[in-house]
Amino acid sequence: MWKHFISDYLSFTKKERTGILVLISLIVFFMLLPFLYPYVIKEKTYDHTAFEKEIALFQASQEDSSDQLASPAVYKRNDQNNHSSPGTYEHNQAFKGEMFYFDPNLATPADWKRLGIRDKTIATIQNYLSKGGKFYKKEDIGKIWGLHEDEVQRLMPYVQIQNSSPSNHLPEKQLEKKEYKKTTFPIMVVDINSADTTAFIALPGIGSKLSQRIINFREKLGGFYRIEQISEIFGLPDSTFQKIKSQLKISNQAPRQININTATQDELKSHPYLRYAIANAIVQYRAQHGNYSAVTDLKKIMLITEEVFNKVAPYLKVN
């Protein structure tokens, strides 16, 4: 029994034995791989002498740059009236220019160049003058962007500004305070029952679209009977209505009325204040109870509330 058990569960086919051998070989290979690595891949060697030379050169350059920055003769920041950029350093070159008396408001780029000023600073001065800028006193040249403090001190004794006072550049009549009379225009009042789109557009906040909507709404209603109906226009802000309300008026023209005893359902529901359900109820009530004797009979219909009745009543009539 045991022999059969062992032979059944511990015997292997040829493929299984091959697989086991391959698996064992892979396990052994990966176990020995760390030990074989130094023999297979050689470690890259570096020239330490060349590397140390590069480090030494870098340190030397750093020391030279720090000595240069620490030297007070190389640069200094502009102070007080000099408005050049914070990183601008005083030039260390010998002055190349000719000194002569000049007016900074009249000096040409060639004159500034002759004084030894750099092209970039000259462009800044010309840009300032072209935009209406002016030098009123010789100290004003200290405000030129890019002009160094030593240059300001060198140029200051040679600055001669003619008519430096701002008032001297204007005629006496222009210096007098002008008095203007406030012109008042009559407020335009618009009749909302007869005005066209042009009249409505003249009102503040009313454009072509809103003016057309007002007229379309007026036509569907049959005319306005209250100024407040303008506030019902779609897209008209209440703030705009409150602004133009005082400029609106309404004529005594009676709005167009619908006879509720003869009007069809389609005629009734075409009115903005009568939706389909109310129009249908009016026709059905009339079919069941006969003609209306008065417009107030509509209050007997449940769908018509007091608010709806007061709103639509001016547009209804009976024979």
C-alpha atoms as a PDB file:
ATOM      1  CA  MET A   1       0.000   0.000   0.000  1.00  0.00           C
ATOM      2  CA  TRP A   2       2.694   2.446   1.007  1.00  0.00           C
ATOM      3  CA  LYS A   3       4.735   1.552  -2.043  1.00  0.00           C
ATOM      4  CA  HIS A   4       1.800   2.367  -4.297  1.00  0.00           C
ATOM      5  CA  PHE A   5       1.254   5.662  -2.447  1.00  0.00           C
ATOM      6  CA  ILE A   6       4.906   6.692  -2.770  1.00  0.00           C
ATOM      7  CA  SER A   7       5.066   5.676  -6.421  1.00  0.00           C
ATOM      8  CA  ASP A   8       1.885   7.611  -7.224  1.00  0.00           C
ATOM      9  CA  TYR A   9       2.732  10.903  -5.427  1.00  0.00           C
ATOM     10  CA  LEU A  10       6.553  11.000  -5.563  1.00  0.00           C
ATOM     11  CA  SER A  11       7.144   9.850  -9.109  1.00  0.00           C
ATOM     12  CA  PHE A  12       7.706  12.503 -11.819  1.00  0.00           C
ATOM     13  CA  THR A  13       7.358  12.548 -15.554  1.00  0.00           C
ATOM     14  CA  LYS A  14      10.189  13.523 -17.852  1.00  0.00           C
ATOM     15  CA  LYS A  15       8.793  17.077 -18.353  1.00  0.00           C
ATOM     16  CA  GLU A  16       8.366  17.586 -14.615  1.00  0.00           C
ATOM     17  CA  ARG A  17      11.950  16.466 -13.919  1.00  0.00           C
ATOM     18  CA  THR A  18      13.225  18.860 -16.601  1.00  0.00           C
ATOM     19  CA  GLY A  19      11.253  21.717 -15.080  1.00  0.00           C
ATOM     20  CA  ILE A  20      12.563  20.991 -11.572  1.00  0.00           C
ATOM     21  CA  LEU A  21      16.155  20.984 -12.823  1.00  0.00           C
ATOM     22  CA  VAL A  22      15.693  24.302 -14.622  1.00  0.00           C
ATOM     23  CA  LEU A  23      14.123  25.852 -11.518  1.00  0.00           C
ATOM     24  CA  ILE A  24      16.949  24.625  -9.276  1.00  0.00           C
ATOM     25  CA  SER A  25      19.532  25.936 -11.749  1.00  0.00           C
ATOM     26  CA  LEU A  26      17.930  29.406 -11.738  1.00  0.00           C
ATOM     27  CA  ILE A  27      17.826  29.479  -7.946  1.00  0.00           C
ATOM     28  CA  VAL A  28      21.498  28.590  -7.717  1.00  0.00           C
ATOM     29  CA  PHE A  29      22.402  31.150 -10.404  1.00  0.00           C
ATOM     30  CA  PHE A  30      20.667  34.038  -8.615  1.00  0.00           C
ATOM     31  CA  MET A  31      22.212  32.989  -5.295  1.00  0.00           C
ATOM     32  CA  LEU A  32      25.718  33.123  -6.809  1.00  0.00           C
ATOM     33  CA  LEU A  33      25.113  36.291  -8.848  1.00  0.00           C
ATOM     34  CA  PRO A  34      26.267  38.760  -6.099  1.00  0.00           C
ATOM     35  CA  PHE A  35      29.535  36.877  -5.826  1.00  0.00           C
ATOM     36  CA  LEU A  36      30.058  36.824  -9.597  1.00  0.00           C
ATOM     37  CA  TYR A  37      29.229  40.525 -10.123  1.00  0.00           C
ATOM     38  CA  PRO A  38      32.782  41.930  -9.504  1.00  0.00           C
ATOM     39  CA  TYR A  39      34.193  39.456 -12.012  1.00  0.00           C
ATOM     40  CA  VAL A  40      31.639  40.227 -14.715  1.00  0.00           C
ATOM     41  CA  ILE A  41      31.324  44.050 -14.460  1.00  0.00           C
ATOM     42  CA  LYS A  42      34.459  46.027 -13.829  1.00  0.00           C
ATOM     43  CA  GLU A  43      34.159  49.145 -11.658  1.00  0.00           C
ATOM     44  CA  LYS A  44      34.776  52.409 -13.491  1.00  0.00           C
ATOM     45  CA  THR A  45      37.882  54.221 -12.336  1.00  0.00           C
ATOM     46  CA  TYR A  46      38.178  58.004 -12.125  1.00  0.00           C
ATOM     47  CA  ASP A  47      41.133  60.264 -12.546  1.00  0.00           C
ATOM     48  CA  HIS A  48      41.252  61.779  -9.061  1.00  0.00           C
ATOM     49  CA  THR A  49      44.139  64.049 -10.027  1.00  0.00           C
ATOM     50  CA  ALA A  50      42.156  65.827 -12.766  1.00  0.00           C
ATOM     51  CA  PHE A  51      39.130  66.111 -10.481  1.00  0.00           C
ATOM     52  CA  GLU A  52      41.196  67.700  -7.715  1.00  0.00           C
ATOM     53  CA  LYS A  53      42.609  70.209 -10.237  1.00  0.00           C
ATOM     54  CA  GLU A  54      39.105  71.246 -11.262  1.00  0.00           C
ATOM     55  CA  ILE A  55      38.112  71.727  -7.610  1.00  0.00           C
ATOM     56  CA  ALA A  56      41.169  73.900  -7.022  1.00  0.00           C
ATOM     57  CA  LEU A  57      40.383  76.075 -10.061  1.00  0.00           C
ATOM     58  CA  PHE A  58      36.782  76.516  -8.938  1.00  0.00           C
ATOM     59  CA  GLN A  59      37.811  77.588  -5.418  1.00  0.00           C
ATOM     60  CA  ALA A  60      40.303  80.063  -6.862  1.00  0.00           C
ATOM     61  CA  SER A  61      37.653  81.642  -9.085  1.00  0.00           C
ATOM     62  CA  GLN A  62      35.290  81.919  -6.115  1.00  0.00           C
ATOM     63  CA  GLU A  63      37.927  83.725  -4.075  1.00  0.00           C
ATOM     64  CA  ASP A  64      38.630  86.137  -6.927  1.00  0.00           C
ATOM     65  CA  SER A  65      34.929  86.992  -7.362  1.00  0.00           C
ATOM     66  CA  SER A  66      34.386  87.507  -3.624  1.00  0.00           C
ATOM     67  CA  ASP A  67      37.416  89.806  -3.456  1.00  0.00           C
ATOM     68  CA  GLN A  68      36.069  91.777  -6.359  1.00  0.00           C
ATOM     69  CA  LEU A  69      32.630  92.184  -4.771  1.00  0.00           C
ATOM     70  CA  ALA A  70      34.140  93.157  -1.442  1.00  0.00           C
ATOM     71  CA  SER A  71      36.228  95.938  -2.978  1.00  0.00           C
ATOM     72  CA  PRO A  72      34.553  99.328  -2.358  1.00  0.00           C
ATOM     73  CA  ALA A  73      36.289 100.808  -5.403  1.00  0.00           C
ATOM     74  CA  VAL A  74      34.413  98.561  -7.816  1.00  0.00           C
ATOM     75  CA  TYR A  75      30.804  99.556  -7.093  1.00  0.00           C
ATOM     76  CA  LYS A  76      28.537 101.453  -4.799  1.00  0.00           C
ATOM     77  CA  ARG A  77      24.817 101.919  -4.625  1.00  0.00           C
ATOM     78  CA  ASN A  78      23.289 105.206  -5.723  1.00  0.00           C
ATOM     79  CA  ASP A  79      21.976 107.284  -2.864  1.00  0.00           C
ATOM     80  CA  GLN A  80      19.341 109.895  -2.130  1.00  0.00           C
ATOM     81  CA  ASN A  81      18.329 111.669  -5.321  1.00  0.00           C
ATOM     82  CA  ASN A  82      19.689 108.994  -7.666  1.00  0.00           C
ATOM     83  CA  HIS A  83      16.753 106.833  -8.720  1.00  0.00           C
ATOM     84  CA  SER A  84      18.619 104.254 -10.762  1.00  0.00           C
ATOM     85  CA  SER A  85      17.832 100.575 -10.253  1.00  0.00           C
ATOM     86  CA  PRO A  86      19.054  99.033  -6.957  1.00  0.00           C
ATOM     87  CA  GLY A  87      21.543  96.806  -8.729  1.00  0.00           C
ATOM     88  CA  THR A  88      23.248  99.585 -10.710  1.00  0.00           C
ATOM     89  CA  TYR A  89      26.907 100.001  -9.885  1.00  0.00           C
ATOM     90  CA  GLU A  90      29.116 103.029 -10.380  1.00  0.00           C
ATOM     91  CA  HIS A  91      31.083 102.774 -13.570  1.00  0.00           C
ATOM     92  CA  ASN A  92      34.824 102.372 -13.031  1.00  0.00           C
ATOM     93  CA  GLN A  93      35.957 103.800 -16.320  1.00  0.00           C
ATOM     94  CA  ALA A  94      37.645 107.144 -16.875  1.00  0.00           C
ATOM     95  CA  PHE A  95      35.243 109.956 -17.787  1.00  0.00           C
ATOM     96  CA  LYS A  96      35.049 110.569 -21.527  1.00  0.00           C
ATOM     97  CA  GLY A  97      33.090 113.697 -22.271  1.00  0.00           C
ATOM     98  CA  GLU A  98      33.168 117.460 -22.662  1.00  0.00           C
ATOM     99  CA  MET A  99      31.611 119.794 -20.113  1.00  0.00           C
ATOM    100  CA  PHE A 100      29.630 122.833 -21.264  1.00  0.00           C
ATOM    101  CA  TYR A 101      26.574 124.776 -20.122  1.00  0.00           C
ATOM    102  CA  PHE A 102      23.297 123.195 -21.274  1.00  0.00           C
ATOM    103  CA  ASP A 103      19.552 123.237 -20.749  1.00  0.00           C
ATOM    104  CA  PRO A 104      18.296 119.641 -20.110  1.00  0.00           C
ATOM    105  CA  ASN A 105      14.926 120.574 -21.617  1.00  0.00           C
ATOM    106  CA  LEU A 106      16.553 121.637 -24.909  1.00  0.00           C
ATOM    107  CA  ALA A 107      19.613 119.405 -25.105  1.00  0.00           C
ATOM    108  CA  THR A 108      19.693 117.045 -28.065  1.00  0.00           C
ATOM    109  CA  PRO A 109      20.824 113.407 -27.891  1.00  0.00           C
ATOM    110  CA  ALA A 110      24.097 114.572 -29.460  1.00  0.00           C
ATOM    111  CA  ASP A 111      24.541 117.097 -26.626  1.00  0.00           C
ATOM    112  CA  TRP A 112      24.020 114.406 -23.984  1.00  0.00           C
ATOM    113  CA  LYS A 113      26.437 112.138 -25.830  1.00  0.00           C
ATOM    114  CA  ARG A 114      28.963 114.963 -25.871  1.00  0.00           C
ATOM    115  CA  LEU A 115      28.553 115.275 -22.103  1.00  0.00           C
ATOM    116  CA  GLY A 116      29.538 111.624 -21.760  1.00  0.00           C
ATOM    117  CA  ILE A 117      26.078 110.163 -20.951  1.00  0.00           C
ATOM    118  CA  ARG A 118      25.336 106.574 -21.961  1.00  0.00           C
ATOM    119  CA  ASP A 119      22.952 105.824 -24.836  1.00  0.00           C
ATOM    120  CA  LYS A 120      20.454 103.990 -22.591  1.00  0.00           C
ATOM    121  CA  THR A 121      20.254 106.956 -20.201  1.00  0.00           C
ATOM    122  CA  ILE A 122      19.878 109.349 -23.154  1.00  0.00           C
ATOM    123  CA  ALA A 123      16.958 107.264 -24.431  1.00  0.00           C
ATOM    124  CA  THR A 124      15.338 107.478 -20.977  1.00  0.00           C
ATOM    125  CA  ILE A 125      15.668 111.285 -20.969  1.00  0.00           C
ATOM    126  CA  GLN A 126      14.220 111.643 -24.472  1.00  0.00           C
ATOM    127  CA  ASN A 127      11.315 109.352 -23.591  1.00  0.00           C
ATOM    128  CA  TYR A 128      10.582 111.446 -20.487  1.00  0.00           C
ATOM    129  CA  LEU A 129      10.598 114.702 -22.490  1.00  0.00           C
ATOM    130  CA  SER A 130       8.494 113.249 -25.331  1.00  0.00           C
ATOM    131  CA  LYS A 131       5.732 112.376 -22.844  1.00  0.00           C
ATOM    132  CA  GLY A 132       5.498 115.966 -21.600  1.00  0.00           C
ATOM    133  CA  GLY A 133       8.065 115.743 -18.815  1.00  0.00           C
ATOM    134  CA  LYS A 134      10.101 118.821 -17.910  1.00  0.00           C
ATOM    135  CA  PHE A 135      13.038 119.829 -15.738  1.00  0.00           C
ATOM    136  CA  TYR A 136      12.108 122.850 -13.620  1.00  0.00           C
ATOM    137  CA  LYS A 137      15.287 123.149 -11.550  1.00  0.00           C
ATOM    138  CA  LYS A 138      18.784 121.824 -11.998  1.00  0.00           C
ATOM    139  CA  GLU A 139      18.390 119.390  -9.088  1.00  0.00           C
ATOM    140  CA  ASP A 140      15.761 117.560 -11.162  1.00  0.00           C
ATOM    141  CA  ILE A 141      18.463 115.841 -13.209  1.00  0.00           C
ATOM    142  CA  GLY A 142      19.194 113.754 -10.121  1.00  0.00           C
ATOM    143  CA  LYS A 143      15.869 112.003 -10.711  1.00  0.00           C
ATOM    144  CA  ILE A 144      16.917 110.644 -14.112  1.00  0.00           C
ATOM    145  CA  TRP A 145      16.757 106.851 -14.051  1.00  0.00           C
ATOM    146  CA  GLY A 146      20.226 105.427 -14.732  1.00  0.00           C
ATOM    147  CA  LEU A 147      22.176 108.639 -14.102  1.00  0.00           C
ATOM    148  CA  HIS A 148      24.864 107.917 -11.486  1.00  0.00           C
ATOM    149  CA  GLU A 149      25.500 110.124  -8.460  1.00  0.00           C
ATOM    150  CA  ASP A 150      28.952 111.186  -9.655  1.00  0.00           C
ATOM    151  CA  GLU A 151      27.461 112.142 -13.023  1.00  0.00           C
ATOM    152  CA  VAL A 152      24.781 114.249 -11.321  1.00  0.00           C
ATOM    153  CA  GLN A 153      27.418 116.104  -9.287  1.00  0.00           C
ATOM    154  CA  ARG A 154      29.531 116.611 -12.417  1.00  0.00           C
ATOM    155  CA  LEU A 155      26.650 117.973 -14.524  1.00  0.00           C
ATOM    156  CA  MET A 156      24.909 120.100 -11.866  1.00  0.00           C
ATOM    157  CA  PRO A 157      27.174 123.203 -12.112  1.00  0.00           C
ATOM    158  CA  TYR A 158      26.635 123.348 -15.884  1.00  0.00           C
ATOM    159  CA  VAL A 159      22.834 123.127 -15.877  1.00  0.00           C
ATOM    160  CA  GLN A 160      21.100 126.347 -16.947  1.00  0.00           C
ATOM    161  CA  ILE A 161      17.305 126.037 -17.188  1.00  0.00           C
ATOM    162  CA  GLN A 162      15.422 128.879 -18.814  1.00  0.00           C
ATOM    163  CA  ASN A 163      11.937 129.763 -17.514  1.00  0.00           C
ATOM    164  CA  SER A 164      12.121 127.062 -14.867  1.00  0.00           C
ATOM    165  CA  SER A 165       8.906 128.104 -13.127  1.00  0.00           C
ATOM    166  CA  PRO A 166       5.879 126.107 -14.348  1.00  0.00           C
ATOM    167  CA  SER A 167       3.754 129.241 -14.383  1.00  0.00           C
ATOM    168  CA  ASN A 168       6.104 130.969 -16.815  1.00  0.00           C
ATOM    169  CA  HIS A 169       5.214 128.504 -19.550  1.00  0.00           C
ATOM    170  CA  LEU A 170       1.536 129.436 -19.590  1.00  0.00           C
ATOM    171  CA  PRO A 171      -0.100 132.627 -20.777  1.00  0.00           C
ATOM    172  CA  GLU A 172      -1.525 134.783 -18.021  1.00  0.00           C
ATOM    173  CA  LYS A 173      -5.079 134.195 -19.209  1.00  0.00           C
ATOM    174  CA  GLN A 174      -4.641 130.445 -18.931  1.00  0.00           C
ATOM    175  CA  LEU A 175      -3.491 130.780 -15.307  1.00  0.00           C
ATOM    176  CA  GLU A 176      -6.756 132.398 -14.310  1.00  0.00           C
ATOM    177  CA  LYS A 177      -9.335 130.050 -12.888  1.00  0.00           C
ATOM    178  CA  LYS A 178     -12.026 129.461 -15.450  1.00  0.00           C
ATOM    179  CA  GLU A 179     -15.605 129.495 -14.368  1.00  0.00           C
ATOM    180  CA  TYR A 180     -17.992 127.301 -16.246  1.00  0.00           C
ATOM    181  CA  LYS A 181     -21.710 127.673 -16.165  1.00  0.00           C
ATOM    182  CA  LYS A 182     -23.474 124.439 -15.599  1.00  0.00           C
ATOM    183  CA  THR A 183     -25.684 123.736 -18.560  1.00  0.00           C
ATOM    184  CA  THR A 184     -28.984 122.155 -17.686  1.00  0.00           C
ATOM    185  CA  PHE A 185     -30.995 120.177 -20.186  1.00  0.00           C
ATOM    186  CA  PRO A 186     -34.724 119.539 -19.914  1.00  0.00           C
ATOM    187  CA  ILE A 187     -35.590 116.027 -18.813  1.00  0.00           C
ATOM    188  CA  MET A 188     -37.258 114.132 -21.621  1.00  0.00           C
ATOM    189  CA  VAL A 189     -40.596 112.544 -20.690  1.00  0.00           C
ATOM    190  CA  VAL A 190     -41.818 109.560 -22.720  1.00  0.00           C
ATOM    191  CA  ASP A 191     -45.467 108.564 -23.200  1.00  0.00           C
ATOM    192  CA  ILE A 192     -45.344 104.788 -22.882  1.00  0.00           C
ATOM    193  CA  ASN A 193     -48.534 104.296 -24.923  1.00  0.00           C
ATOM    194  CA  SER A 194     -47.395 106.241 -27.988  1.00  0.00           C
ATOM    195  CA  ALA A 195     -43.574 106.333 -27.935  1.00  0.00           C
ATOM    196  CA  ASP A 196     -41.586 104.502 -30.600  1.00  0.00           C
ATOM    197  CA  THR A 197     -38.300 102.598 -30.171  1.00  0.00           C
ATOM    198  CA  THR A 198     -36.233 105.757 -30.701  1.00  0.00           C
ATOM    199  CA  ALA A 199     -37.886 107.493 -27.752  1.00  0.00           C
ATOM    200  CA  PHE A 200     -37.367 104.510 -25.462  1.00  0.00           C
ATOM    201  CA  ILE A 201     -33.706 104.128 -26.504  1.00  0.00           C
ATOM    202  CA  ALA A 202     -33.113 107.734 -25.433  1.00  0.00           C
ATOM    203  CA  LEU A 203     -33.873 106.723 -21.848  1.00  0.00           C
ATOM    204  CA  PRO A 204     -30.868 105.732 -19.679  1.00  0.00           C
ATOM    205  CA  GLY A 205     -30.298 101.983 -19.545  1.00  0.00           C
ATOM    206  CA  ILE A 206     -32.689 101.186 -22.417  1.00  0.00           C
ATOM    207  CA  GLY A 207     -31.154  99.716 -25.564  1.00  0.00           C
ATOM    208  CA  SER A 208     -32.618  98.595 -28.837  1.00  0.00           C
ATOM    209  CA  LYS A 209     -33.626  95.138 -27.530  1.00  0.00           C
ATOM    210  CA  LEU A 210     -35.417  96.449 -24.441  1.00  0.00           C
ATOM    211  CA  SER A 211     -37.169  99.170 -26.407  1.00  0.00           C
ATOM    212  CA  GLN A 212     -38.483  96.597 -28.878  1.00  0.00           C
ATOM    213  CA  ARG A 213     -39.652  94.346 -26.028  1.00  0.00           C
ATOM    214  CA  ILE A 214     -41.574  97.255 -24.491  1.00  0.00           C
ATOM    215  CA  ILE A 215     -43.417  97.908 -27.736  1.00  0.00           C
ATOM    216  CA  ASN A 216     -44.121  94.184 -28.334  1.00  0.00           C
ATOM    217  CA  PHE A 217     -45.489  93.842 -24.795  1.00  0.00           C
ATOM    218  CA  ARG A 218     -47.629  96.954 -25.293  1.00  0.00           C
ATOM    219  CA  GLU A 219     -49.122  95.526 -28.491  1.00  0.00           C
ATOM    220  CA  LYS A 220     -49.951  92.171 -26.877  1.00  0.00           C
ATOM    221  CA  LEU A 221     -51.548  93.851 -23.871  1.00  0.00           C
ATOM    222  CA  GLY A 222     -53.539  96.354 -25.876  1.00  0.00           C
ATOM    223  CA  GLY A 223     -51.840  99.355 -24.260  1.00  0.00           C
ATOM    224  CA  PHE A 224     -50.656 100.261 -20.759  1.00  0.00           C
ATOM    225  CA  TYR A 225     -52.914 101.603 -18.035  1.00  0.00           C
ATOM    226  CA  ARG A 226     -50.228 101.924 -15.320  1.00  0.00           C
ATOM    227  CA  ILE A 227     -46.578 103.053 -15.524  1.00  0.00           C
ATOM    228  CA  GLU A 228     -45.584 100.170 -13.215  1.00  0.00           C
ATOM    229  CA  GLN A 229     -46.383  97.722 -16.024  1.00  0.00           C
ATOM    230  CA  ILE A 230     -43.058  98.699 -17.619  1.00  0.00           C
ATOM    231  CA  SER A 231     -41.279  96.892 -14.772  1.00  0.00           C
ATOM    232  CA  GLU A 232     -42.781  93.614 -16.067  1.00  0.00           C
ATOM    233  CA  ILE A 233     -40.674  93.749 -19.239  1.00  0.00           C
ATOM    234  CA  PHE A 234     -38.412  90.702 -19.475  1.00  0.00           C
ATOM    235  CA  GLY A 235     -34.751  91.594 -18.905  1.00  0.00           C
ATOM    236  CA  LEU A 236     -35.412  95.075 -17.489  1.00  0.00           C
ATOM    237  CA  PRO A 237     -33.613  95.452 -14.108  1.00  0.00           C
ATOM    238  CA  ASP A 238     -35.585  97.061 -11.324  1.00  0.00           C
ATOM    239  CA  SER A 239     -32.739  99.551 -10.804  1.00  0.00           C
ATOM    240  CA  THR A 240     -33.169 100.747 -14.402  1.00  0.00           C
ATOM    241  CA  PHE A 241     -36.929 101.030 -14.005  1.00  0.00           C
ATOM    242  CA  GLN A 242     -36.553 103.116 -10.846  1.00  0.00           C
ATOM    243  CA  LYS A 243     -34.100 105.367 -12.705  1.00  0.00           C
ATOM    244  CA  ILE A 244     -36.426 106.049 -15.658  1.00  0.00           C
ATOM    245  CA  LYS A 245     -39.748 105.974 -13.789  1.00  0.00           C
ATOM    246  CA  SER A 246     -39.809 109.755 -13.337  1.00  0.00           C
ATOM    247  CA  GLN A 247     -39.341 110.186 -17.106  1.00  0.00           C
ATOM    248  CA  LEU A 248     -42.399 108.102 -18.011  1.00  0.00           C
ATOM    249  CA  LYS A 249     -45.968 109.214 -18.428  1.00  0.00           C
ATOM    250  CA  ILE A 250     -49.139 107.559 -19.635  1.00  0.00           C
ATOM    251  CA  SER A 251     -51.859 109.004 -21.830  1.00  0.00           C
ATOM    252  CA  ASN A 252     -55.567 108.744 -21.007  1.00  0.00           C
ATOM    253  CA  GLN A 253     -56.031 106.403 -23.924  1.00  0.00           C
ATOM    254  CA  ALA A 254     -58.092 103.398 -22.798  1.00  0.00           C
ATOM    255  CA  PRO A 255     -56.451 100.006 -23.412  1.00  0.00           C
ATOM    256  CA  ARG A 256     -57.862  97.672 -26.045  1.00  0.00           C
ATOM    257  CA  GLN A 257     -60.494  95.389 -24.457  1.00  0.00           C
ATOM    258  CA  ILE A 258     -61.623  91.814 -25.143  1.00  0.00           C
ATOM    259  CA  ASN A 259     -65.304  90.900 -25.031  1.00  0.00           C
ATOM    260  CA  ILE A 260     -65.428  87.870 -22.736  1.00  0.00           C
ATOM    261  CA  ASN A 261     -68.878  86.874 -24.071  1.00  0.00           C
ATOM    262  CA  THR A 262     -67.673  86.457 -27.668  1.00  0.00           C
ATOM    263  CA  ALA A 263     -63.917  85.865 -27.471  1.00  0.00           C
ATOM    264  CA  THR A 264     -62.605  82.427 -28.304  1.00  0.00           C
ATOM    265  CA  GLN A 265     -60.167  80.504 -26.182  1.00  0.00           C
ATOM    266  CA  ASP A 266     -57.287  81.364 -28.544  1.00  0.00           C
ATOM    267  CA  GLU A 267     -58.100  85.078 -28.386  1.00  0.00           C
ATOM    268  CA  LEU A 268     -58.163  85.010 -24.605  1.00  0.00           C
ATOM    269  CA  LYS A 269     -54.963  83.007 -24.095  1.00  0.00           C
ATOM    270  CA  SER A 270     -53.037  85.317 -26.475  1.00  0.00           C
ATOM    271  CA  HIS A 271     -53.267  88.031 -23.824  1.00  0.00           C
ATOM    272  CA  PRO A 272     -50.135  88.112 -21.587  1.00  0.00           C
ATOM    273  CA  TYR A 273     -52.238  88.120 -18.393  1.00  0.00           C
ATOM    274  CA  LEU A 274     -54.425  85.128 -19.363  1.00  0.00           C
ATOM    275  CA  ARG A 275     -52.678  81.802 -19.605  1.00  0.00           C
ATOM    276  CA  TYR A 276     -54.265  78.747 -21.225  1.00  0.00           C
ATOM    277  CA  ALA A 277     -55.879  77.368 -18.056  1.00  0.00           C
ATOM    278  CA  ILE A 278     -57.650  80.658 -17.227  1.00  0.00           C
ATOM    279  CA  ALA A 279     -58.751  81.226 -20.840  1.00  0.00           C
ATOM    280  CA  ASN A 280     -60.189  77.726 -20.967  1.00  0.00           C
ATOM    281  CA  ALA A 281     -62.004  78.228 -17.621  1.00  0.00           C
ATOM    282  CA  ILE A 282     -63.593  81.476 -18.880  1.00  0.00           C
ATOM    283  CA  VAL A 283     -64.926  79.765 -22.011  1.00  0.00           C
ATOM    284  CA  GLN A 284     -66.146  76.675 -20.096  1.00  0.00           C
ATOM    285  CA  TYR A 285     -67.904  78.769 -17.458  1.00  0.00           C
ATOM    286  CA  ARG A 286     -69.608  80.801 -20.194  1.00  0.00           C
ATOM    287  CA  ALA A 287     -70.740  77.604 -21.951  1.00  0.00           C
ATOM    288  CA  GLN A 288     -72.253  76.231 -18.718  1.00  0.00           C
ATOM    289  CA  HIS A 289     -73.812  79.381 -17.247  1.00  0.00           C
ATOM    290  CA  GLY A 290     -74.430  81.600 -20.281  1.00  0.00           C
ATOM    291  CA  ASN A 291     -73.022  85.000 -21.062  1.00  0.00           C
ATOM    292  CA  TYR A 292     -71.431  87.118 -18.391  1.00  0.00           C
ATOM    293  CA  SER A 293     -73.490  90.032 -17.164  1.00  0.00           C
ATOM    294  CA  ALA A 294     -70.435  91.893 -15.864  1.00  0.00           C
ATOM    295  CA  VAL A 295     -66.669  91.509 -15.840  1.00  0.00           C
ATOM    296  CA  THR A 296     -66.834  90.951 -12.087  1.00  0.00           C
ATOM    297  CA  ASP A 297     -68.548  87.594 -12.772  1.00  0.00           C
ATOM    298  CA  LEU A 298     -65.073  86.227 -13.506  1.00  0.00           C
ATOM    299  CA  LYS A 299     -64.417  86.201  -9.761  1.00  0.00           C
ATOM    300  CA  LYS A 300     -66.742  83.195  -9.580  1.00  0.00           C
ATOM    301  CA  ILE A 301     -64.110  81.139 -11.405  1.00  0.00           C
ATOM    302  CA  MET A 302     -61.764  79.541  -8.872  1.00  0.00           C
ATOM    303  CA  LEU A 303     -58.634  79.973 -11.002  1.00  0.00           C
ATOM    304  CA  ILE A 304     -59.067  83.742 -11.129  1.00  0.00           C
ATOM    305  CA  THR A 305     -57.702  85.168  -7.890  1.00  0.00           C
ATOM    306  CA  GLU A 306     -58.183  88.745  -6.731  1.00  0.00           C
ATOM    307  CA  GLU A 307     -54.682  89.603  -7.932  1.00  0.00           C
ATOM    308  CA  VAL A 308     -55.264  88.145 -11.400  1.00  0.00           C
ATOM    309  CA  PHE A 309     -58.669  89.859 -11.694  1.00  0.00           C
ATOM    310  CA  ASN A 310     -57.338  93.324 -10.758  1.00  0.00           C
ATOM    311  CA  LYS A 311     -54.534  92.890 -13.259  1.00  0.00           C
ATOM    312  CA  VAL A 312     -56.609  91.769 -16.247  1.00  0.00           C
ATOM    313  CA  ALA A 313     -59.949  93.518 -15.633  1.00  0.00           C
ATOM    314  CA  PRO A 314     -59.048  96.753 -17.519  1.00  0.00           C
ATOM    315  CA  TYR A 315     -58.572  94.650 -20.673  1.00  0.00           C
ATOM    316  CA  LEU A 316     -61.970  92.894 -20.498  1.00  0.00           C
ATOM    317  CA  LYS A 317     -65.503  93.972 -21.270  1.00  0.00           C
ATOM    318  CA  VAL A 318     -69.047  92.586 -21.795  1.00  0.00           C
ATOM    319  CA  ASN A 319     -71.799  93.755 -24.155  1.00  0.00           C
END
